N, C-alpha and C. Protein backbone atom coordinates (compact mmCIF):
# COMPACT_ATOMS: atom_id res chain seq x y z
N UNK A 1 71.26 -112.16 -56.46
CA UNK A 1 70.09 -113.19 -56.19
C UNK A 1 70.77 -114.51 -56.52
N UNK A 2 71.44 -114.54 -57.70
CA UNK A 2 72.02 -115.76 -58.30
C UNK A 2 73.09 -116.50 -57.17
N UNK A 3 73.60 -115.72 -56.59
CA UNK A 3 74.55 -116.36 -55.42
C UNK A 3 73.63 -117.04 -54.32
N UNK A 4 72.58 -116.27 -53.92
CA UNK A 4 71.60 -116.78 -52.97
C UNK A 4 71.12 -117.95 -53.42
N UNK A 5 70.47 -118.05 -54.86
CA UNK A 5 69.93 -119.32 -55.25
C UNK A 5 70.97 -120.46 -55.34
N UNK A 6 72.09 -120.12 -55.63
CA UNK A 6 73.24 -121.18 -55.56
C UNK A 6 73.30 -121.93 -54.27
N UNK A 7 73.50 -121.12 -53.22
CA UNK A 7 73.53 -121.52 -51.96
C UNK A 7 72.18 -122.48 -51.49
N UNK A 8 71.01 -121.89 -51.84
CA UNK A 8 69.62 -122.41 -51.40
C UNK A 8 69.59 -123.78 -52.39
N UNK A 9 69.78 -123.79 -53.49
CA UNK A 9 69.74 -124.97 -54.05
C UNK A 9 70.71 -126.05 -54.31
N UNK A 10 72.07 -125.54 -53.82
CA UNK A 10 73.09 -126.48 -54.04
C UNK A 10 73.61 -126.79 -55.41
N UNK A 11 73.22 -126.01 -56.27
CA UNK A 11 73.74 -126.16 -57.69
C UNK A 11 74.69 -125.18 -58.01
N UNK A 12 74.98 -124.96 -59.39
CA UNK A 12 75.92 -124.08 -59.90
C UNK A 12 75.40 -122.84 -60.26
N UNK A 13 76.27 -121.67 -60.60
CA UNK A 13 75.65 -120.43 -61.21
C UNK A 13 75.18 -120.97 -62.57
N UNK A 14 75.78 -121.70 -63.23
CA UNK A 14 75.41 -122.16 -64.60
C UNK A 14 74.03 -122.80 -64.63
N UNK A 15 73.78 -123.57 -63.62
CA UNK A 15 72.47 -124.29 -63.39
C UNK A 15 71.40 -123.40 -62.98
N UNK A 16 71.64 -122.52 -62.14
CA UNK A 16 70.65 -121.49 -61.72
C UNK A 16 70.33 -120.53 -62.88
N UNK A 17 71.41 -119.99 -63.51
CA UNK A 17 71.08 -119.23 -64.64
C UNK A 17 70.43 -119.80 -65.77
N UNK A 18 70.62 -121.15 -66.20
CA UNK A 18 69.71 -121.88 -67.01
C UNK A 18 68.21 -121.94 -66.61
N UNK A 19 68.05 -122.23 -65.19
CA UNK A 19 66.77 -122.31 -64.72
C UNK A 19 65.95 -121.00 -64.70
N UNK A 20 66.80 -120.00 -64.61
CA UNK A 20 66.03 -118.64 -64.61
C UNK A 20 65.71 -118.38 -66.19
N UNK A 21 66.50 -118.72 -66.85
CA UNK A 21 66.18 -118.54 -68.54
C UNK A 21 64.79 -119.40 -68.81
N UNK A 22 64.75 -120.49 -68.43
CA UNK A 22 63.71 -121.47 -68.39
C UNK A 22 62.37 -120.79 -68.05
N UNK A 23 62.59 -120.28 -66.74
CA UNK A 23 61.36 -119.67 -66.12
C UNK A 23 60.90 -118.49 -66.76
N UNK A 24 61.75 -117.76 -67.39
CA UNK A 24 61.12 -116.56 -68.39
C UNK A 24 61.11 -116.74 -69.60
N UNK A 25 61.38 -117.96 -70.09
CA UNK A 25 61.24 -118.35 -71.55
C UNK A 25 62.22 -117.85 -72.53
N UNK A 26 63.50 -117.62 -72.07
CA UNK A 26 64.46 -117.11 -73.13
C UNK A 26 65.60 -118.17 -73.13
N UNK A 27 66.28 -118.28 -74.26
CA UNK A 27 67.42 -119.23 -74.40
C UNK A 27 68.75 -118.81 -73.63
N UNK A 28 68.79 -117.51 -73.57
CA UNK A 28 69.91 -116.61 -73.19
C UNK A 28 69.61 -115.10 -72.79
N UNK A 29 70.48 -114.57 -71.66
CA UNK A 29 70.15 -113.31 -71.36
C UNK A 29 71.22 -112.52 -71.69
N UNK A 30 72.19 -113.02 -72.45
CA UNK A 30 73.47 -112.32 -72.98
C UNK A 30 72.91 -111.29 -73.92
N UNK A 31 73.27 -109.98 -73.63
CA UNK A 31 72.82 -108.90 -74.44
C UNK A 31 71.26 -108.65 -74.40
N UNK A 32 70.68 -108.91 -73.28
CA UNK A 32 69.32 -108.88 -73.23
C UNK A 32 68.95 -107.44 -72.84
N UNK A 33 67.73 -107.06 -73.24
CA UNK A 33 67.08 -105.73 -72.96
C UNK A 33 66.72 -105.78 -71.45
N UNK A 34 66.48 -104.48 -71.03
CA UNK A 34 66.40 -104.32 -69.60
C UNK A 34 64.88 -105.17 -69.17
N UNK A 35 64.08 -105.07 -69.93
CA UNK A 35 62.69 -105.82 -69.55
C UNK A 35 63.09 -107.22 -69.31
N UNK A 36 63.82 -107.82 -70.07
CA UNK A 36 64.22 -109.32 -69.89
C UNK A 36 65.00 -109.47 -68.60
N UNK A 37 65.94 -108.67 -68.26
CA UNK A 37 66.72 -108.70 -67.08
C UNK A 37 65.73 -108.31 -65.81
N UNK A 38 64.69 -107.58 -66.02
CA UNK A 38 63.66 -107.22 -64.88
C UNK A 38 62.95 -108.50 -64.77
N UNK A 39 62.59 -109.17 -65.88
CA UNK A 39 61.80 -110.44 -65.56
C UNK A 39 62.67 -111.37 -64.93
N UNK A 40 63.94 -111.52 -65.25
CA UNK A 40 64.85 -112.59 -64.68
C UNK A 40 64.87 -112.35 -63.13
N UNK A 41 64.93 -111.10 -62.84
CA UNK A 41 65.12 -110.58 -61.37
C UNK A 41 63.91 -111.02 -60.51
N UNK A 42 62.60 -110.74 -61.26
CA UNK A 42 61.46 -111.21 -60.68
C UNK A 42 61.22 -112.73 -60.65
N UNK A 43 61.90 -113.39 -61.38
CA UNK A 43 61.80 -114.88 -61.30
C UNK A 43 62.59 -115.40 -60.30
N UNK A 44 63.94 -114.64 -60.09
CA UNK A 44 64.78 -115.14 -59.21
C UNK A 44 64.06 -114.90 -57.72
N UNK A 45 63.64 -113.77 -57.63
CA UNK A 45 63.04 -113.48 -56.38
C UNK A 45 61.64 -114.50 -55.85
N UNK A 46 61.00 -114.94 -56.87
CA UNK A 46 60.00 -115.64 -56.82
C UNK A 46 60.61 -117.18 -56.54
N UNK A 47 61.67 -117.58 -57.10
CA UNK A 47 62.33 -118.71 -56.88
C UNK A 47 62.67 -118.77 -55.31
N UNK A 48 63.40 -117.84 -55.03
CA UNK A 48 63.82 -117.67 -53.66
C UNK A 48 62.74 -117.80 -52.64
N UNK A 49 61.60 -117.13 -53.00
CA UNK A 49 60.45 -117.32 -52.03
C UNK A 49 59.97 -118.72 -52.04
N UNK A 50 59.84 -119.38 -53.16
CA UNK A 50 59.44 -120.84 -53.24
C UNK A 50 60.38 -121.59 -52.26
N UNK A 51 61.57 -121.23 -52.16
CA UNK A 51 62.48 -122.20 -51.49
C UNK A 51 62.62 -121.69 -49.99
N UNK A 52 61.78 -120.64 -49.64
CA UNK A 52 61.88 -120.09 -48.34
C UNK A 52 63.19 -119.41 -47.86
N UNK A 53 63.72 -118.83 -48.84
CA UNK A 53 65.20 -118.25 -48.53
C UNK A 53 65.22 -116.90 -48.76
N UNK A 54 64.09 -116.24 -48.79
CA UNK A 54 64.03 -114.86 -49.04
C UNK A 54 64.19 -113.75 -47.99
N UNK A 55 64.17 -114.45 -46.65
CA UNK A 55 64.08 -113.40 -45.38
C UNK A 55 65.37 -113.40 -44.90
């Protein structure tokens, strides 16, 4: 999903990951628990939906 967001936003992986971290309220997902990864995946899906790129 990060690749899709990079294409949809025209930004970098770094910027997309930082944006996802902000959306879920964590400074980093390095070593994150499964719950945090799931929240990030949900945030990525929602972001793609917002951009109209989910289909």
